[in-house]
Protein backbone atom coordinates (compact mmCIF):
# COMPACT_ATOMS: atom_id res chain seq x y z
CA MET A 1 33.07 26.43 -51.58
CA ALA A 2 33.50 29.78 -53.34
CA THR A 3 30.85 32.41 -52.91
CA LEU A 4 28.95 33.83 -55.85
CA ARG A 5 30.90 37.11 -55.73
CA GLN A 6 34.19 35.23 -56.04
CA THR A 7 33.19 33.47 -59.25
CA THR A 8 35.23 34.95 -62.05
CA ASN A 9 33.25 33.57 -64.98
CA SER A 10 29.87 34.88 -63.84
CA PRO A 11 28.35 37.46 -66.24
CA ALA A 12 28.93 40.59 -64.17
CA THR A 13 28.13 38.42 -61.10
CA GLU A 14 24.48 39.35 -61.66
CA LEU A 15 22.83 36.06 -60.87
CA ARG A 16 21.21 36.25 -57.47
CA THR A 17 17.69 34.78 -57.51
CA ILE A 18 16.63 31.30 -58.56
CA ILE A 19 13.61 29.02 -58.48
CA VAL A 20 14.49 25.38 -57.75
CA THR A 21 11.60 22.94 -58.18
CA GLY A 22 11.30 19.47 -56.72
CA ALA A 23 13.35 20.39 -53.65
CA SER A 24 11.80 17.94 -51.21
CA SER A 25 14.64 15.42 -51.57
CA GLY A 26 17.48 14.24 -53.76
CA ILE A 27 18.90 16.54 -56.42
CA GLY A 28 16.53 19.44 -55.80
CA ALA A 29 16.99 19.46 -52.02
CA TYR A 30 20.77 19.34 -52.30
CA CYS A 31 21.00 22.02 -54.98
CA ALA A 32 18.62 24.39 -53.19
CA ARG A 33 20.71 24.26 -50.01
CA ALA A 34 24.04 24.45 -51.84
CA LEU A 35 22.92 27.51 -53.78
CA LYS A 36 21.70 29.14 -50.57
CA ALA A 37 25.11 28.50 -49.01
CA GLU A 38 26.76 30.26 -51.97
CA GLY A 39 24.72 33.41 -51.52
CA TRP A 40 21.80 32.89 -53.86
CA ARG A 41 18.29 33.86 -52.87
CA VAL A 42 16.57 30.51 -53.40
CA PHE A 43 12.86 30.01 -53.98
CA ALA A 44 12.36 26.27 -53.62
CA THR A 45 9.23 24.20 -54.23
CA ALA A 46 7.77 21.00 -52.87
CA ARG A 47 4.31 19.47 -52.65
CA LYS A 48 4.12 18.28 -49.04
CA PRO A 49 3.79 20.75 -46.16
CA GLU A 50 6.45 18.97 -44.11
CA ASP A 51 8.97 19.31 -46.95
CA ILE A 52 8.17 23.00 -47.32
CA ALA A 53 8.66 23.45 -43.58
CA ALA A 54 12.05 21.69 -43.71
CA LEU A 55 13.24 24.05 -46.43
CA GLU A 56 12.05 27.08 -44.49
CA THR A 57 13.89 25.83 -41.41
CA ASP A 58 17.10 26.05 -43.46
CA GLY A 59 16.36 29.66 -44.40
CA ILE A 60 15.03 28.92 -47.88
CA GLU A 61 11.88 30.61 -49.16
CA ALA A 62 9.65 27.67 -49.98
CA PHE A 63 6.38 27.32 -51.89
CA HIS A 64 3.90 24.67 -52.89
CA LEU A 65 4.05 23.61 -56.53
CA ASP A 66 2.13 20.93 -58.40
CA TYR A 67 3.25 20.83 -62.03
CA SER A 68 -0.06 19.25 -63.07
CA ASP A 69 -2.00 22.26 -61.74
CA PRO A 70 -1.68 25.46 -63.84
CA GLY A 71 -3.13 27.47 -60.95
CA SER A 72 -0.31 26.27 -58.71
CA ILE A 73 2.27 27.29 -61.31
CA ALA A 74 0.71 30.74 -61.73
CA ALA A 75 0.59 31.27 -57.96
CA LEU A 76 4.27 30.38 -57.61
CA VAL A 77 5.33 32.85 -60.30
CA THR A 78 3.17 35.62 -58.84
CA SER A 79 4.50 35.07 -55.31
CA VAL A 80 8.16 34.94 -56.34
CA LEU A 81 7.98 38.01 -58.58
CA GLU A 82 6.21 39.98 -55.85
CA ARG A 83 9.17 39.25 -53.57
CA THR A 84 11.84 40.10 -56.15
CA GLY A 85 10.27 43.22 -57.60
CA GLY A 86 9.51 41.49 -60.89
CA ARG A 87 12.95 40.02 -61.57
CA LEU A 88 14.36 36.51 -61.65
CA ASP A 89 17.85 35.43 -62.63
CA ALA A 90 17.52 31.68 -62.97
CA LEU A 91 15.18 28.69 -63.05
CA PHE A 92 16.14 25.09 -62.30
CA ASN A 93 13.33 22.80 -63.42
CA ASN A 94 13.84 19.56 -61.53
CA GLY A 95 10.61 18.18 -60.02
CA ALA A 96 9.44 15.01 -61.78
CA TYR A 97 8.46 11.38 -61.26
CA ALA A 98 9.19 8.19 -63.20
CA GLN A 99 6.28 6.05 -64.43
CA ALA A 100 7.65 2.54 -64.93
CA GLY A 101 6.02 -0.10 -67.12
CA ALA A 102 6.12 -1.53 -70.63
CA VAL A 103 4.69 0.73 -73.32
CA GLU A 104 1.95 -1.77 -74.19
CA ASP A 105 0.80 -1.74 -70.55
CA LEU A 106 0.56 2.05 -70.29
CA SER A 107 -2.90 3.55 -70.55
CA VAL A 108 -3.29 6.84 -72.35
CA ALA A 109 -4.29 8.39 -69.02
CA ALA A 110 -1.06 7.23 -67.35
CA LEU A 111 1.02 8.58 -70.22
CA LYS A 112 -0.82 11.90 -70.17
CA GLN A 113 -0.23 12.26 -66.42
CA GLN A 114 3.49 11.60 -66.91
CA PHE A 115 3.64 14.36 -69.50
CA GLU A 116 1.55 16.76 -67.42
CA VAL A 117 4.11 16.65 -64.62
CA ASN A 118 7.38 16.08 -66.50
CA PHE A 119 6.75 18.11 -69.64
CA PHE A 120 3.72 20.40 -69.88
CA GLY A 121 4.16 21.73 -66.34
CA TRP A 122 7.82 22.52 -67.02
CA HIS A 123 6.88 24.33 -70.21
CA ASP A 124 4.16 26.30 -68.43
CA LEU A 125 6.51 27.50 -65.67
CA THR A 126 9.33 28.27 -68.11
CA ARG A 127 7.05 30.18 -70.47
CA ARG A 128 5.75 32.40 -67.65
CA LEU A 129 9.32 33.41 -66.75
CA ILE A 130 10.81 33.98 -70.21
CA PRO A 131 9.28 37.49 -70.60
CA VAL A 132 10.78 38.50 -67.25
CA MET A 133 14.24 37.37 -68.33
CA ARG A 134 13.93 38.96 -71.77
CA ARG A 135 13.01 42.34 -70.23
CA GLN A 136 15.97 42.31 -67.88
CA GLY A 137 18.32 41.09 -70.62
CA HIS A 138 19.70 38.05 -68.84
CA GLY A 139 18.69 34.73 -67.32
CA ARG A 140 19.58 31.07 -67.03
CA ILE A 141 17.11 28.22 -67.52
CA VAL A 142 18.40 24.77 -66.59
CA HIS A 143 16.34 21.62 -66.97
CA CYS A 144 17.21 18.41 -65.15
CA SER A 145 16.52 15.95 -67.94
CA SER A 146 17.92 12.39 -67.97
CA ILE A 147 20.25 10.21 -69.97
CA LEU A 148 17.06 8.25 -70.72
CA GLY A 149 15.96 11.21 -72.82
CA LEU A 150 18.91 10.44 -75.09
CA VAL A 151 19.26 6.66 -74.66
CA PRO A 152 15.93 5.07 -73.64
CA VAL A 153 15.63 1.63 -72.04
CA ARG A 154 12.76 -0.81 -71.80
CA PHE A 155 10.12 -0.42 -69.07
CA ARG A 156 10.93 3.30 -68.91
CA GLY A 157 8.98 4.36 -71.97
CA ALA A 158 6.78 7.00 -70.34
CA TYR A 159 9.62 8.67 -68.45
CA SER A 160 12.03 8.43 -71.41
CA ALA A 161 9.41 9.90 -73.75
CA SER A 162 8.77 12.86 -71.44
CA LYS A 163 12.50 13.59 -71.24
CA HIS A 164 13.03 13.09 -74.99
CA ALA A 165 10.24 15.59 -75.65
CA LEU A 166 11.79 17.99 -73.15
CA GLU A 167 15.15 17.76 -74.91
CA ALA A 168 13.64 18.68 -78.28
CA LEU A 169 11.42 21.49 -77.01
CA MET A 170 14.04 23.21 -74.91
CA LEU A 171 16.85 22.89 -77.45
CA CYS A 172 14.55 24.68 -79.89
CA GLN A 173 13.99 27.35 -77.25
CA ARG A 174 17.72 27.65 -76.68
CA GLN A 175 18.11 28.54 -80.37
CA GLU A 176 15.16 30.94 -80.29
CA LEU A 177 16.67 32.81 -77.33
CA GLU A 178 20.01 33.33 -79.06
CA GLY A 179 21.17 36.92 -78.53
CA SER A 180 18.62 37.66 -75.80
CA GLY A 181 20.98 37.10 -72.89
CA VAL A 182 18.84 34.15 -71.75
CA HIS A 183 20.55 30.75 -71.90
CA VAL A 184 19.00 27.27 -71.77
CA SER A 185 20.86 24.14 -70.69
CA LEU A 186 19.90 20.51 -70.12
CA ILE A 187 21.47 18.22 -67.52
CA GLU A 188 21.30 14.51 -68.37
CA PRO A 189 22.15 12.52 -65.23
CA GLY A 190 22.57 8.79 -65.14
CA PRO A 191 22.02 6.92 -61.85
CA VAL A 192 22.26 9.30 -58.89
CA LYS A 193 21.25 8.70 -55.27
CA SER A 194 17.71 10.06 -54.96
CA LYS A 195 14.15 9.02 -54.19
CA ILE A 196 12.93 8.98 -57.79
CA ALA A 197 12.63 5.18 -57.82
CA SER A 198 10.71 4.92 -54.54
CA ASN A 199 8.58 7.95 -55.46
CA GLY A 200 7.65 6.22 -58.72
CA LEU A 201 6.51 3.01 -57.01
CA PRO A 202 2.93 4.18 -56.26
CA TRP A 203 2.48 5.16 -59.92
CA PHE A 204 3.75 1.75 -61.04
CA LEU A 205 1.30 -0.04 -58.73
CA LYS A 206 -1.58 2.25 -59.68
CA ASN A 207 -1.26 2.21 -63.45
CA ILE A 208 0.23 -1.17 -64.40
CA ASP A 209 -1.69 -4.46 -64.28
CA LEU A 210 1.20 -6.50 -62.92
CA GLU A 211 -0.46 -9.91 -62.71
CA ASN A 212 -2.08 -9.96 -66.15
CA SER A 213 0.79 -8.54 -68.17
CA VAL A 214 2.98 -10.66 -70.45
CA HIS A 215 5.84 -8.90 -68.66
CA ARG A 216 4.81 -10.06 -65.17
CA VAL A 217 8.05 -12.01 -64.56
CA ASP A 218 10.14 -8.96 -65.42
CA TYR A 219 7.81 -6.79 -63.35
CA ALA A 220 8.49 -8.91 -60.28
CA ALA A 221 12.17 -7.99 -60.53
CA GLN A 222 11.27 -4.36 -61.25
CA LEU A 223 9.00 -4.26 -58.21
CA GLU A 224 11.70 -5.63 -55.95
CA ARG A 225 14.14 -3.02 -57.26
CA LEU A 226 11.67 -0.14 -56.81
CA ARG A 227 10.83 -1.23 -53.27
CA ALA A 228 14.56 -1.22 -52.51
CA GLY A 229 14.79 2.39 -53.72
CA GLY A 230 16.20 1.64 -57.18
CA SER A 231 19.45 0.03 -58.21
CA GLN A 232 21.90 -0.16 -55.30
CA SER A 233 25.58 0.51 -55.86
CA ALA A 234 28.35 1.92 -53.73
CA LEU A 235 29.56 3.61 -56.91
CA LYS A 236 26.33 5.55 -57.46
CA PRO A 237 27.21 9.21 -56.82
CA GLY A 238 25.23 11.66 -54.76
CA PRO A 239 23.44 14.78 -56.03
CA GLU A 240 26.60 16.85 -55.66
CA VAL A 241 27.65 15.69 -59.16
CA VAL A 242 24.56 17.37 -60.57
CA TYR A 243 25.19 20.51 -58.54
CA LYS A 244 28.68 20.80 -60.01
CA VAL A 245 27.35 21.08 -63.57
CA LEU A 246 24.33 23.13 -62.50
CA ARG A 247 26.75 25.69 -61.12
CA HIS A 248 28.58 25.80 -64.45
CA ALA A 249 25.32 26.23 -66.36
CA LEU A 250 24.34 29.11 -64.07
CA LEU A 251 27.67 30.95 -63.93
CA SER A 252 29.68 30.22 -67.06
CA ARG A 253 29.81 32.82 -69.80
CA ARG A 254 29.26 29.96 -72.26
CA PRO A 255 26.87 27.47 -70.66
CA ARG A 256 26.66 24.21 -72.56
CA PRO A 257 23.47 22.89 -74.14
CA HIS A 258 24.13 19.43 -72.61
CA TYR A 259 25.70 18.22 -69.38
CA VAL A 260 25.88 14.42 -69.34
CA VAL A 261 26.53 13.40 -65.73
CA THR A 262 27.85 10.10 -64.25
CA VAL A 263 30.02 7.45 -65.89
CA PRO A 264 27.10 5.20 -67.00
CA ALA A 265 25.44 8.18 -68.68
CA ARG A 266 28.60 9.14 -70.53
CA ILE A 267 29.11 5.53 -71.64
CA GLY A 268 25.51 5.39 -72.87
CA ALA A 269 25.90 8.62 -74.83
CA ALA A 270 29.17 7.39 -76.35
CA LEU A 271 27.67 4.04 -77.36
CA LYS A 272 24.80 5.84 -79.08
CA ARG A 273 27.33 7.71 -81.22
CA LEU A 274 29.55 4.70 -81.94
CA LEU A 275 27.34 1.62 -82.28
CA PRO A 276 24.90 0.71 -85.03
CA ALA A 277 21.36 1.38 -83.79
CA SER A 278 20.25 -2.25 -83.88
CA MET A 279 23.24 -3.34 -81.79
CA LEU A 280 22.76 -0.50 -79.31
CA TYR A 281 19.11 -1.31 -78.65
CA ARG A 282 19.82 -5.03 -78.25
CA LEU A 283 22.46 -4.12 -75.68
CA MET A 284 20.14 -1.72 -73.83
CA ALA A 285 17.35 -4.32 -73.73
CA LYS A 286 19.59 -6.69 -71.80
CA ARG A 287 20.43 -4.21 -69.05
CA ALA A 288 16.93 -3.03 -68.06
């Protein structure tokens, strides 16, 4: 693995410091450690003390972050900027959870909580760091979105909506930052080995009335899948596929607005372009 100084397409090889959120497991944990190995100074976040301790054991500066708590977000920014002398080169927004359930079974409270963590918290953290990056004249902001933000499927309405909103908001910001030296990119992974399915199980059980829903038969299958940690496939790639495109978004002179990752995600994006909408949504309804 090449070091940061050996990367030829890095803008003056300036990028050194990065915040990586949701680093307790899966994509965030892998990317935080891979960036550290490449010479970045990584500020990683998690919610549980044991996950913070595990990151620190690997030499990563780790902090508590709860996206639904503005005070937690403010404390993170203050702590990181105190350590860097008021500078930050990059942000990788990654921490999220997936609220499963049919749209008609979602309470307003459940939907609001999904947006607090997956959308409003991301905006809050990003907005606090934009002035820092504008002052220094450079920065990279990368959001780990989802293919479901582009091609939604049934029983994933809350999660898909939060990612769809993220796509629109941050693509507007990408345009608004044109010429500032600050670049915004979105990564849209398909199925990747992670704990997002098992981490979403408590929210499914808490917020969805499984027994009294018209979807209870489908929910039984969903519940079995969530308890198994999501869809199981030997072909499902690990988080290294996300790291590969994250690295491009951080180091390329021309980072892309979109990075669609995994074969299923690329197929889904292609079908959205090629198929009539009614046919596409009938097809998607059969696979959920």
